[in-house]
Amino acid sequence: MPNQDAGFKLIFSNPALVRELLSSGLCVPWKEKISEVASFEKVSGSLVYERFLLRRDNDLIWMYDPPNADPGTISAANQIAIVLVEFQSSPDPIMPVRMASYLSLLYEQAYREGKWIAPNLPKALPVILYHGLPRWKTAWQLSELWSSAYPELDPLQLQLRPILIDIHHLDETELPPENNLIGLLFRIERSQKIEETIRWVRKTNEKLLEMREASLHASITQWLLQYYLPTRMPELDFENCKTIQEIIMTSEELTIDLTIPLKEKAFRMGIEQGIEKGIEKGIEKGIEKGMFSALVTLLERRFGSLSPGLLGRLEPVDVQTLNRLLGLSLEVESLEELEKRMKEEG
């Protein structure tokens, strides 16, 4: 059984997806306008408390450094912030204690290494990303765990209030918009039917092509193939798939096959072979049509409207050529360069 927490850690190890998370509207207190992916730096999540030889491994720690900060001065405008993300597949009754422990160890270790000096310790944005099916009902704020005894001591206690994102129980109005990659990934995670999953995977692929983040594209493809699909669609064989487009094609083949209830009757009537050939042609035409539509959408988003002549040259090509053209469309910088490359590659 694939470790789903490891799958989320894989895709959130990319700064582009952290930017999407902070721009999604889910991290309400965050007011900073995230404009530069390079302003995020991932640090080791392995923290050691030397006094007691304790080791703590959190999921992800990111340092956000304001893009226009002046390294030679110390001011509020230059202060970095910590983005601490924990992935949970099941509720943990002491989750706030764990997160407080991670932050404390991080501050101590950084102080020992001379990276931060009090009173300029960076503030943190702690996030619990919960993807389990049951609703999270245990405490997620440290204040919920304190004993009710000695209420006069309440103001003196350590406080930590992480942002809890319960993916499967977000209201539709709370979901990030479809033009946000986090919103698309959450919709894939929440999908209950193959057709629904295919729809969001296709939109995710279009968004990734638009973003032109090759490493993030590769990570999400790996997440789908190694972590998501084996547990959510075990009846499908994705062993030979290497790209998201191939995942979509494989899924559509099964969906089309499941919508043909007359297959058994056709066999009894002695015409199964003819039906299967028709299905095969239908699938092939459907795949070509879908890939052609994706290619045109990508080119128009990058370069504007396509000429009738170029559309005419693109439309009759087969699936293998369309797949090559999709890759080529990410490499070129203009329609003229695309047509030149098409001629060169025949």
Protein backbone atom coordinates (compact mmCIF):
# COMPACT_ATOMS: atom_id res chain seq x y z
CA MET A 1 0.00 0.00 0.00
CA PRO A 2 1.60 3.31 -1.10
CA ASN A 3 2.29 5.84 1.66
CA GLN A 4 -0.04 8.71 0.79
CA ASP A 5 1.76 11.12 3.16
CA ALA A 6 4.96 10.46 1.19
CA GLY A 7 3.07 11.20 -2.03
CA PHE A 8 1.96 14.63 -0.79
CA LYS A 9 5.45 15.34 0.53
CA LEU A 10 6.80 14.57 -2.94
CA ILE A 11 4.68 17.16 -4.75
CA PHE A 12 4.91 19.81 -2.01
CA SER A 13 8.70 19.61 -2.18
CA ASN A 14 8.44 21.96 -5.15
CA PRO A 15 8.43 25.73 -4.41
CA ALA A 16 5.91 26.37 -7.19
CA LEU A 17 3.28 24.30 -5.35
CA VAL A 18 4.03 26.08 -2.05
CA ARG A 19 3.36 29.35 -3.86
CA GLU A 20 0.06 27.93 -5.15
CA LEU A 21 -0.88 26.90 -1.59
CA LEU A 22 -0.22 30.37 -0.18
CA SER A 23 -2.13 31.92 -3.09
CA SER A 24 -5.10 29.53 -2.77
CA GLY A 25 -7.00 31.47 -0.11
CA LEU A 26 -6.73 28.60 2.39
CA CYS A 27 -3.97 30.24 4.44
CA VAL A 28 -6.17 33.19 5.43
CA PRO A 29 -3.74 35.05 7.75
CA TRP A 30 -1.10 35.21 5.02
CA LYS A 31 -1.19 38.67 3.45
CA GLU A 32 2.06 38.63 1.47
CA LYS A 33 1.77 38.71 -2.31
CA ILE A 34 3.71 35.69 -3.54
CA SER A 35 5.39 36.66 -6.79
CA GLU A 36 8.73 34.84 -6.99
CA VAL A 37 9.16 31.09 -6.67
CA ALA A 38 12.87 31.60 -6.03
CA SER A 39 12.06 33.37 -2.77
CA PHE A 40 11.33 30.00 -1.14
CA GLU A 41 14.08 27.83 0.27
CA LYS A 42 13.49 24.32 1.60
CA VAL A 43 15.38 23.39 4.76
CA SER A 44 15.99 20.03 6.37
CA GLY A 45 13.04 18.62 8.27
CA SER A 46 15.31 16.46 10.43
CA LEU A 47 15.87 18.19 13.75
CA VAL A 48 17.98 16.83 16.61
CA TYR A 49 17.69 17.89 20.25
CA GLU A 50 21.27 17.17 21.33
CA ARG A 51 20.66 17.36 25.09
CA PHE A 52 18.44 14.26 25.09
CA LEU A 53 19.54 12.85 21.72
CA LEU A 54 15.99 13.17 20.43
CA ARG A 55 15.28 13.26 16.73
CA ARG A 56 12.17 14.76 15.16
CA ASP A 57 11.30 14.46 11.47
CA ASN A 58 8.63 16.79 10.24
CA ASP A 59 7.26 16.73 6.70
CA LEU A 60 8.28 20.04 5.10
CA ILE A 61 9.82 23.31 6.24
CA TRP A 62 10.10 26.23 3.82
CA MET A 63 11.72 29.60 4.43
CA TYR A 64 10.06 32.52 2.66
CA ASP A 65 12.48 35.36 2.00
CA PRO A 66 10.91 38.62 0.73
CA PRO A 67 12.04 39.05 -2.91
CA ASN A 68 13.16 42.69 -2.47
CA ALA A 69 14.84 42.26 0.92
CA ASP A 70 18.17 43.99 1.53
CA PRO A 71 20.53 41.40 3.08
CA GLY A 72 22.63 44.14 4.60
CA THR A 73 19.93 45.51 6.88
CA ILE A 74 17.66 44.18 9.63
CA SER A 75 14.08 45.42 9.40
CA ALA A 76 10.52 44.13 9.48
CA ALA A 77 10.41 44.27 5.67
CA ASN A 78 13.41 41.93 5.46
CA GLN A 79 12.22 39.29 7.90
CA ILE A 80 11.86 35.76 6.61
CA ALA A 81 8.91 33.56 7.56
CA ILE A 82 8.67 29.83 8.21
CA VAL A 83 6.10 27.74 6.34
CA LEU A 84 5.71 24.44 8.19
CA VAL A 85 3.51 21.81 6.47
CA GLU A 86 2.48 18.50 8.04
CA PHE A 87 0.65 15.81 6.03
CA GLN A 88 -1.79 13.57 7.87
CA SER A 89 -3.83 10.61 6.63
CA SER A 90 -5.45 10.11 10.06
CA PRO A 91 -6.25 12.50 12.93
CA ASP A 92 -3.55 12.76 15.61
CA PRO A 93 -4.78 13.78 19.10
CA ILE A 94 -1.46 15.47 19.94
CA MET A 95 -0.82 17.12 16.57
CA PRO A 96 -0.49 20.64 18.09
CA VAL A 97 2.15 19.32 20.53
CA ARG A 98 4.12 17.79 17.67
CA MET A 99 4.07 21.01 15.66
CA ALA A 100 5.11 23.05 18.69
CA SER A 101 7.97 20.61 19.20
CA TYR A 102 9.12 20.98 15.57
CA LEU A 103 9.14 24.76 15.79
CA SER A 104 10.95 24.83 19.14
CA LEU A 105 13.67 22.48 17.90
CA LEU A 106 14.02 24.47 14.68
CA TYR A 107 14.49 27.73 16.61
CA GLU A 108 17.04 26.14 18.97
CA GLN A 109 19.03 24.52 16.20
CA ALA A 110 19.09 27.73 14.14
CA TYR A 111 20.18 29.72 17.19
CA ARG A 112 23.05 27.28 17.89
CA GLU A 113 24.13 27.56 14.26
CA GLY A 114 24.06 31.36 14.41
CA LYS A 115 21.36 31.73 11.75
CA TRP A 116 18.89 33.70 13.88
CA ILE A 117 19.39 35.88 16.92
CA ALA A 118 16.59 36.78 19.33
CA PRO A 119 14.50 38.98 19.27
CA ASN A 120 14.45 38.48 15.49
CA LEU A 121 13.17 34.90 15.42
CA PRO A 122 11.01 34.47 12.31
CA LYS A 123 7.28 33.94 12.65
CA ALA A 124 5.72 30.72 11.41
CA LEU A 125 2.78 29.68 9.28
CA PRO A 126 1.98 26.12 10.53
CA VAL A 127 -0.31 24.09 8.25
CA ILE A 128 -1.88 20.66 8.78
CA LEU A 129 -2.85 19.16 5.41
CA TYR A 130 -5.23 16.33 6.24
CA HIS A 131 -6.33 13.98 3.45
CA GLY A 132 -8.08 11.24 5.44
CA LEU A 133 -11.71 10.35 4.74
CA PRO A 134 -13.16 10.68 8.30
CA ARG A 135 -13.65 14.26 9.42
CA TRP A 136 -10.87 15.62 11.68
CA LYS A 137 -12.53 15.78 15.11
CA THR A 138 -9.53 15.82 17.46
CA ALA A 139 -7.79 18.94 18.76
CA TRP A 140 -5.75 20.95 16.30
CA GLN A 141 -5.01 23.97 18.51
CA LEU A 142 -2.73 23.71 21.53
CA SER A 143 -5.23 25.62 23.67
CA GLU A 144 -7.72 22.75 23.28
CA LEU A 145 -5.36 20.35 25.06
CA TRP A 146 -4.73 22.26 28.29
CA SER A 147 -6.39 21.08 31.50
CA SER A 148 -9.29 23.20 32.76
CA ALA A 149 -7.64 23.43 36.20
CA TYR A 150 -6.07 26.76 37.28
CA PRO A 151 -7.78 28.97 34.68
CA GLU A 152 -5.81 31.96 35.97
CA LEU A 153 -2.72 30.39 34.34
CA ASP A 154 -4.30 30.20 30.86
CA PRO A 155 -2.68 33.44 29.57
CA LEU A 156 0.77 32.06 30.51
CA GLN A 157 0.52 28.87 28.45
CA LEU A 158 2.15 28.25 25.10
CA GLN A 159 -0.22 28.94 22.22
CA LEU A 160 -0.15 27.38 18.75
CA ARG A 161 -3.02 27.52 16.30
CA PRO A 162 -2.12 25.80 13.01
CA ILE A 163 -4.25 26.10 9.89
CA LEU A 164 -6.16 22.83 9.46
CA ILE A 165 -6.99 21.98 5.84
CA ASP A 166 -9.37 19.01 5.84
CA ILE A 167 -9.36 18.26 2.10
CA HIS A 168 -12.34 15.89 1.94
CA HIS A 169 -14.57 18.07 4.11
CA LEU A 170 -13.95 21.51 2.63
CA ASP A 171 -17.16 23.17 1.55
CA GLU A 172 -17.44 23.84 -2.21
CA THR A 173 -17.16 27.55 -1.44
CA GLU A 174 -13.92 26.92 0.47
CA LEU A 175 -12.18 25.02 -2.32
CA PRO A 176 -9.52 27.04 -4.15
CA PRO A 177 -10.58 28.07 -7.68
CA GLU A 178 -9.94 25.83 -10.66
CA ASN A 179 -7.24 28.17 -11.98
CA ASN A 180 -5.19 27.34 -8.86
CA LEU A 181 -3.21 24.10 -9.01
CA ILE A 182 -3.97 23.32 -5.35
CA GLY A 183 -7.68 23.54 -6.17
CA LEU A 184 -7.26 21.04 -9.03
CA LEU A 185 -5.21 18.58 -6.95
CA PHE A 186 -7.76 18.73 -4.13
CA ARG A 187 -10.54 17.99 -6.62
CA ILE A 188 -8.63 14.94 -7.85
CA GLU A 189 -8.21 13.78 -4.26
CA ARG A 190 -11.95 14.26 -3.59
CA SER A 191 -13.11 12.50 -6.80
CA GLN A 192 -15.43 9.53 -6.39
CA LYS A 193 -15.86 8.40 -10.02
CA ILE A 194 -13.45 7.56 -12.83
CA GLU A 195 -15.06 10.12 -15.15
CA GLU A 196 -14.72 12.81 -12.50
CA THR A 197 -11.07 11.95 -11.89
CA ILE A 198 -10.28 12.05 -15.61
CA ARG A 199 -11.87 15.49 -15.88
CA TRP A 200 -9.70 16.99 -13.13
CA VAL A 201 -6.54 15.17 -14.24
CA ARG A 202 -7.02 16.63 -17.72
CA LYS A 203 -7.47 20.15 -16.31
CA THR A 204 -4.41 19.64 -14.10
CA ASN A 205 -2.37 18.65 -17.13
CA GLU A 206 -3.51 21.79 -18.98
CA LYS A 207 -2.59 23.94 -15.97
CA LEU A 208 0.87 22.35 -15.71
CA LEU A 209 1.50 22.90 -19.42
CA GLU A 210 0.51 26.53 -18.93
CA MET A 211 2.80 26.95 -15.89
CA ARG A 212 5.78 25.37 -17.72
CA GLU A 213 7.19 23.96 -14.47
CA ALA A 214 8.89 20.80 -15.72
CA SER A 215 9.99 19.49 -12.31
CA LEU A 216 6.54 20.04 -10.79
CA HIS A 217 4.94 18.34 -13.81
CA ALA A 218 7.21 15.33 -13.25
CA SER A 219 6.46 15.22 -9.50
CA ILE A 220 2.69 15.29 -9.99
CA THR A 221 2.95 12.60 -12.67
CA GLN A 222 4.91 10.46 -10.20
CA TRP A 223 2.34 11.17 -7.47
CA LEU A 224 -0.48 10.01 -9.74
CA LEU A 225 1.28 6.85 -10.92
CA GLN A 226 2.90 5.70 -7.66
CA TYR A 227 0.59 6.96 -4.92
CA TYR A 228 -2.87 8.05 -6.08
CA LEU A 229 -3.91 5.68 -8.88
CA PRO A 230 -2.77 2.35 -7.29
CA THR A 231 -5.09 2.97 -4.32
CA ARG A 232 -7.98 4.80 -6.02
CA MET A 233 -8.13 2.88 -9.31
CA PRO A 234 -6.56 -0.52 -8.65
CA GLU A 235 -8.65 -2.09 -11.46
CA LEU A 236 -6.77 -0.05 -14.07
CA ASP A 237 -3.34 -0.96 -15.37
CA PHE A 238 -1.13 2.14 -15.62
CA GLU A 239 2.14 0.22 -15.68
CA ASN A 240 3.07 1.38 -19.17
CA CYS A 241 2.09 5.02 -18.59
CA LYS A 242 4.83 7.60 -18.30
CA THR A 243 2.96 10.89 -18.82
CA ILE A 244 -0.29 12.42 -17.58
CA GLN A 245 -1.60 12.35 -21.16
CA GLU A 246 -1.07 8.57 -21.25
CA ILE A 247 -2.90 8.28 -17.90
CA ILE A 248 -5.86 10.14 -19.43
CA MET A 249 -5.83 7.94 -22.54
CA THR A 250 -5.73 4.71 -20.49
CA SER A 251 -8.55 5.91 -18.23
CA GLU A 252 -10.70 6.92 -21.19
CA GLU A 253 -10.25 3.53 -22.82
CA LEU A 254 -11.71 1.77 -19.79
CA THR A 255 -14.51 4.32 -19.44
CA ILE A 256 -15.53 3.82 -23.07
CA ASP A 257 -15.38 0.04 -22.69
CA LEU A 258 -17.60 0.11 -19.57
CA THR A 259 -20.31 2.04 -21.44
CA ILE A 260 -20.93 -0.76 -23.97
CA PRO A 261 -23.37 -3.23 -22.36
CA LEU A 262 -24.16 -4.99 -25.65
CA LYS A 263 -20.77 -6.65 -25.90
CA GLU A 264 -22.00 -10.01 -24.62
CA LYS A 265 -25.04 -9.98 -26.93
CA ALA A 266 -22.83 -9.19 -29.86
CA PHE A 267 -20.72 -12.22 -29.05
CA ARG A 268 -23.80 -14.46 -29.01
CA MET A 269 -24.88 -13.10 -32.38
CA GLY A 270 -21.48 -13.82 -33.85
CA ILE A 271 -20.54 -10.19 -34.55
CA GLU A 272 -18.26 -9.46 -31.58
CA GLN A 273 -15.25 -9.04 -33.81
CA GLY A 274 -16.95 -6.30 -35.80
CA ILE A 275 -18.08 -4.51 -32.64
CA GLU A 276 -14.58 -4.63 -31.15
CA LYS A 277 -13.09 -3.15 -34.32
CA GLY A 278 -15.64 -0.35 -34.17
CA ILE A 279 -14.84 0.29 -30.52
CA GLU A 280 -11.13 0.33 -31.27
CA LYS A 281 -11.60 2.90 -34.02
CA GLY A 282 -13.87 4.96 -31.79
CA ILE A 283 -11.34 4.99 -29.00
CA GLU A 284 -8.55 5.96 -31.36
CA LYS A 285 -10.60 8.80 -32.86
CA GLY A 286 -11.60 10.00 -29.39
CA ILE A 287 -8.00 10.07 -28.23
CA GLU A 288 -6.90 11.96 -31.37
CA LYS A 289 -9.69 14.49 -30.89
CA GLY A 290 -8.81 15.05 -27.22
CA MET A 291 -5.08 15.44 -27.91
CA PHE A 292 -5.75 17.79 -30.85
CA SER A 293 -7.98 19.94 -28.62
CA ALA A 294 -5.28 20.05 -25.90
CA LEU A 295 -2.63 21.03 -28.48
CA VAL A 296 -4.73 23.87 -29.91
CA THR A 297 -5.61 25.14 -26.41
CA LEU A 298 -1.95 25.16 -25.38
CA LEU A 299 -0.81 26.98 -28.55
CA GLU A 300 -3.57 29.60 -28.34
CA ARG A 301 -2.81 30.31 -24.68
CA ARG A 302 0.86 30.79 -25.49
CA PHE A 303 0.74 32.53 -28.88
CA GLY A 304 -2.84 33.66 -29.61
CA SER A 305 -5.20 32.59 -32.42
CA LEU A 306 -3.96 30.01 -34.94
CA SER A 307 -4.22 30.57 -38.67
CA PRO A 308 -6.56 28.30 -40.71
CA GLY A 309 -3.52 27.04 -42.58
CA LEU A 310 -1.73 25.90 -39.42
CA LEU A 311 -4.90 24.32 -38.05
CA GLY A 312 -5.30 22.43 -41.31
CA ARG A 313 -1.79 21.02 -41.06
CA LEU A 314 -2.24 19.96 -37.44
CA GLU A 315 -5.65 18.31 -37.63
CA PRO A 316 -4.97 15.18 -39.73
CA VAL A 317 -1.93 13.93 -37.75
CA ASP A 318 -1.98 10.69 -35.74
CA VAL A 319 -1.72 10.19 -31.95
CA GLN A 320 2.06 9.66 -31.94
CA THR A 321 2.65 12.87 -33.93
CA LEU A 322 0.23 14.83 -31.70
CA ASN A 323 2.15 13.64 -28.66
CA ARG A 324 5.42 14.89 -30.21
CA LEU A 325 3.79 18.22 -31.08
CA LEU A 326 2.60 18.73 -27.49
CA GLY A 327 6.18 18.41 -26.29
CA LEU A 328 7.44 20.62 -29.11
CA SER A 329 4.89 23.32 -28.23
CA LEU A 330 6.53 23.74 -24.82
CA GLU A 331 9.99 24.17 -26.33
CA VAL A 332 9.36 26.81 -29.03
CA GLU A 333 8.98 30.55 -28.42
CA SER A 334 6.73 31.43 -31.39
CA LEU A 335 4.37 29.92 -33.97
CA GLU A 336 6.96 30.61 -36.66
CA GLU A 337 9.52 28.53 -34.77
CA LEU A 338 6.93 25.77 -34.37
CA GLU A 339 6.23 25.61 -38.10
CA LYS A 340 9.97 25.62 -38.82
CA ARG A 341 10.54 22.72 -36.43
CA MET A 342 7.60 20.83 -37.94
CA LYS A 343 9.18 21.09 -41.37
CA GLU A 344 12.61 20.07 -40.08
CA GLU A 345 11.21 17.00 -38.28
CA GLY A 346 8.95 16.04 -41.14
